[in-house]
Amino acid sequence: MVAVAVAVLLVSSISAYAVTTNYRKGDTSQSCDTYQCIPRLKAETVVKALEERGHTCSTDYNHQTCKLRIGAFYFEATLQVAAGLITRINLRVYREQSAPLTPGSVAYIKWFAALPYRDDPVLTGQIEEWVDQQIEATEDTKATIGDYEYVLANPETYNVTVEIKGKY
């Protein structure tokens, strides 16, 4: 009887995961101009959230760049924008004298990495786990997750970079 209950639970969990993942796969990017954009996430919404948390932001043609300095850390996020939506995210976390990444700086990277899948808790968790693994491995890496290409570079140096872009 217990084995049957465990089997039913396992099957229902897998089914729920598959439904969530399949639903999001077809709904994680949209065409905007000649780019693939994160749907329903306006660049101005992200910029406003960053400004409310102390970032200084500026606009240059189709890029919006937000910067923040906290102690030994300097954060810079550049959003490439088309039709008001985000097509690419470039993130830099600079640290003085190779100071170790703090939990706050890793959380910052994870927040941006999860933006394309912010409505999918399963994929968000997997992305956050991927970020942790790549930072711990201290190696450059590239991964395709759903409709996006993720590149994490230099986790062992003073200048960690993350790039997220839609597959064209």
Protein backbone atom coordinates (compact mmCIF):
# COMPACT_ATOMS: atom_id res chain seq x y z
CA MET A 1 0.00 0.00 0.00
CA VAL A 2 2.82 2.39 0.91
CA ALA A 3 4.60 1.56 -2.37
CA VAL A 4 1.47 2.47 -4.33
CA ALA A 5 1.14 5.80 -2.49
CA VAL A 6 4.81 6.63 -3.16
CA ALA A 7 4.40 5.70 -6.85
CA VAL A 8 1.30 7.90 -7.17
CA LEU A 9 3.11 10.80 -5.49
CA LEU A 10 6.13 10.37 -7.75
CA VAL A 11 4.03 10.23 -10.93
CA SER A 12 2.00 13.29 -9.92
CA SER A 13 5.18 15.22 -9.09
CA ILE A 14 6.72 14.39 -12.46
CA SER A 15 3.48 15.31 -14.23
CA ALA A 16 3.28 18.66 -12.42
CA TYR A 17 6.91 19.39 -13.29
CA ALA A 18 6.36 18.49 -16.96
CA VAL A 19 3.23 20.63 -17.20
CA THR A 20 4.98 23.63 -15.62
CA THR A 21 8.08 23.26 -17.75
CA ASN A 22 6.16 22.73 -21.00
CA TYR A 23 3.89 25.67 -20.27
CA ARG A 24 6.85 27.98 -19.71
CA LYS A 25 8.88 26.69 -22.67
CA GLY A 26 6.40 28.08 -25.15
CA ASP A 27 5.91 31.26 -23.16
CA THR A 28 9.44 32.39 -22.23
CA SER A 29 10.34 34.58 -25.19
CA GLN A 30 8.61 36.67 -27.77
CA SER A 31 9.69 38.35 -30.95
CA CYS A 32 10.24 42.09 -30.68
CA ASP A 33 11.69 43.91 -33.67
CA THR A 34 14.38 41.46 -34.89
CA TYR A 35 15.18 40.09 -31.40
CA GLN A 36 13.86 37.56 -28.92
CA CYS A 37 12.66 39.35 -25.80
CA ILE A 38 11.61 38.36 -22.32
CA PRO A 39 7.81 38.54 -22.57
CA ARG A 40 5.74 40.85 -20.38
CA LEU A 41 8.84 42.24 -18.63
CA LYS A 42 9.30 45.86 -19.52
CA ALA A 43 12.82 47.22 -19.20
CA GLU A 44 11.47 50.26 -17.37
CA THR A 45 10.06 47.96 -14.65
CA VAL A 46 13.50 46.42 -14.01
CA VAL A 47 15.22 49.83 -14.12
CA LYS A 48 12.70 51.28 -11.65
CA ALA A 49 13.25 48.34 -9.27
CA LEU A 50 17.02 48.86 -9.44
CA GLU A 51 16.75 52.62 -8.91
CA GLU A 52 14.54 52.02 -5.87
CA ARG A 53 17.38 49.92 -4.46
CA GLY A 54 20.02 52.62 -4.93
CA HIS A 55 21.28 52.09 -8.49
CA THR A 56 22.07 55.02 -10.74
CA CYS A 57 20.71 54.33 -14.22
CA SER A 58 21.25 55.90 -17.63
CA THR A 59 19.98 55.31 -21.17
CA ASP A 60 22.13 55.21 -24.30
CA TYR A 61 20.22 54.43 -27.51
CA ASN A 62 18.82 50.92 -26.91
CA HIS A 63 20.78 50.17 -23.73
CA GLN A 64 19.89 50.97 -20.15
CA THR A 65 22.77 50.70 -17.69
CA CYS A 66 22.39 50.66 -13.91
CA LYS A 67 25.31 50.91 -11.47
CA LEU A 68 25.70 50.47 -7.73
CA ARG A 69 28.72 50.52 -5.41
CA ILE A 70 28.61 48.81 -2.00
CA GLY A 71 31.89 48.62 -0.10
CA ALA A 72 34.39 46.50 -2.05
CA PHE A 73 31.78 45.64 -4.70
CA TYR A 74 30.64 47.46 -7.82
CA PHE A 75 27.60 46.16 -9.70
CA GLU A 76 26.73 47.06 -13.28
CA ALA A 77 23.75 45.77 -15.23
CA THR A 78 23.18 46.66 -18.87
CA LEU A 79 19.85 45.83 -20.48
CA GLN A 80 19.59 45.78 -24.26
CA VAL A 81 16.08 46.92 -25.13
CA ALA A 82 13.79 46.57 -28.18
CA ALA A 83 10.14 47.61 -28.24
CA GLY A 84 10.41 48.38 -24.50
CA LEU A 85 11.32 44.76 -23.64
CA ILE A 86 14.67 43.22 -22.63
CA THR A 87 16.57 41.32 -25.35
CA ARG A 88 19.89 40.83 -23.55
CA ILE A 89 21.25 41.25 -20.03
CA ASN A 90 24.94 41.89 -19.36
CA LEU A 91 25.87 41.83 -15.71
CA ARG A 92 29.22 42.62 -14.09
CA VAL A 93 30.16 42.18 -10.46
CA TYR A 94 33.52 43.79 -9.73
CA ARG A 95 35.25 43.14 -6.45
CA GLU A 96 38.34 44.83 -5.13
CA GLN A 97 41.45 42.73 -4.58
CA SER A 98 39.58 39.52 -5.41
CA ALA A 99 37.36 39.82 -2.32
CA PRO A 100 35.25 36.67 -2.05
CA LEU A 101 31.76 36.82 -3.48
CA THR A 102 29.30 37.50 -0.70
CA PRO A 103 25.88 35.83 -0.41
CA GLY A 104 24.40 39.21 -1.42
CA SER A 105 26.47 39.44 -4.61
CA VAL A 106 25.55 35.86 -5.54
CA ALA A 107 21.86 36.65 -4.88
CA TYR A 108 22.22 39.66 -7.21
CA ILE A 109 23.52 37.40 -9.99
CA LYS A 110 20.73 34.86 -9.37
CA TRP A 111 18.03 37.55 -9.48
CA PHE A 112 19.09 38.60 -12.98
CA ALA A 113 19.66 35.02 -14.14
CA ALA A 114 16.11 34.08 -13.16
CA LEU A 115 14.37 37.04 -14.84
CA PRO A 116 13.38 35.15 -18.02
CA TYR A 117 11.75 32.43 -15.90
CA ARG A 118 10.55 34.51 -12.96
CA ASP A 119 7.08 32.91 -13.13
CA ASP A 120 8.38 29.34 -13.12
CA PRO A 121 9.58 28.31 -9.64
CA VAL A 122 10.98 24.98 -10.86
CA LEU A 123 13.17 26.52 -13.55
CA THR A 124 14.11 29.44 -11.29
CA GLY A 125 15.39 26.95 -8.71
CA GLN A 126 17.38 25.08 -11.36
CA ILE A 127 18.93 28.33 -12.63
CA GLU A 128 19.88 29.39 -9.11
CA GLU A 129 21.46 25.97 -8.52
CA TRP A 130 23.35 26.27 -11.84
CA VAL A 131 24.72 29.69 -10.80
CA ASP A 132 25.90 28.28 -7.46
CA GLN A 133 27.62 25.35 -9.17
CA GLN A 134 29.39 27.54 -11.72
CA ILE A 135 30.64 30.01 -9.13
CA GLU A 136 31.84 27.16 -6.93
CA ALA A 137 33.63 25.51 -9.90
CA THR A 138 35.38 28.84 -10.67
CA GLU A 139 35.31 28.15 -14.40
CA ASP A 140 33.87 29.97 -17.40
CA THR A 141 30.73 28.24 -18.62
CA LYS A 142 27.97 28.48 -21.19
CA ALA A 143 24.53 26.86 -21.02
CA THR A 144 21.30 26.96 -22.97
CA ILE A 145 18.31 27.07 -20.66
CA GLY A 146 14.98 27.11 -22.45
CA ASP A 147 15.00 29.96 -24.95
CA TYR A 148 18.11 31.67 -23.55
CA GLU A 149 21.86 31.33 -23.69
CA TYR A 150 23.65 31.94 -20.39
CA VAL A 151 27.37 32.72 -20.17
CA LEU A 152 29.08 33.06 -16.79
CA ALA A 153 32.73 34.11 -16.97
CA ASN A 154 35.58 34.83 -14.57
CA PRO A 155 33.98 33.63 -11.32
CA GLU A 156 37.49 33.27 -9.87
CA THR A 157 38.62 36.84 -10.65
CA TYR A 158 37.74 40.35 -9.60
CA ASN A 159 35.33 40.76 -12.55
CA VAL A 160 32.51 38.20 -12.72
CA THR A 161 30.38 38.60 -15.84
CA VAL A 162 27.05 37.08 -16.79
CA GLU A 163 25.37 37.40 -20.17
CA ILE A 164 21.81 36.27 -20.88
CA LYS A 165 20.43 36.52 -24.39
CA GLY A 166 17.63 34.99 -26.37
CA LYS A 167 18.51 32.39 -28.99
CA TYR A 168 17.94 33.93 -32.41
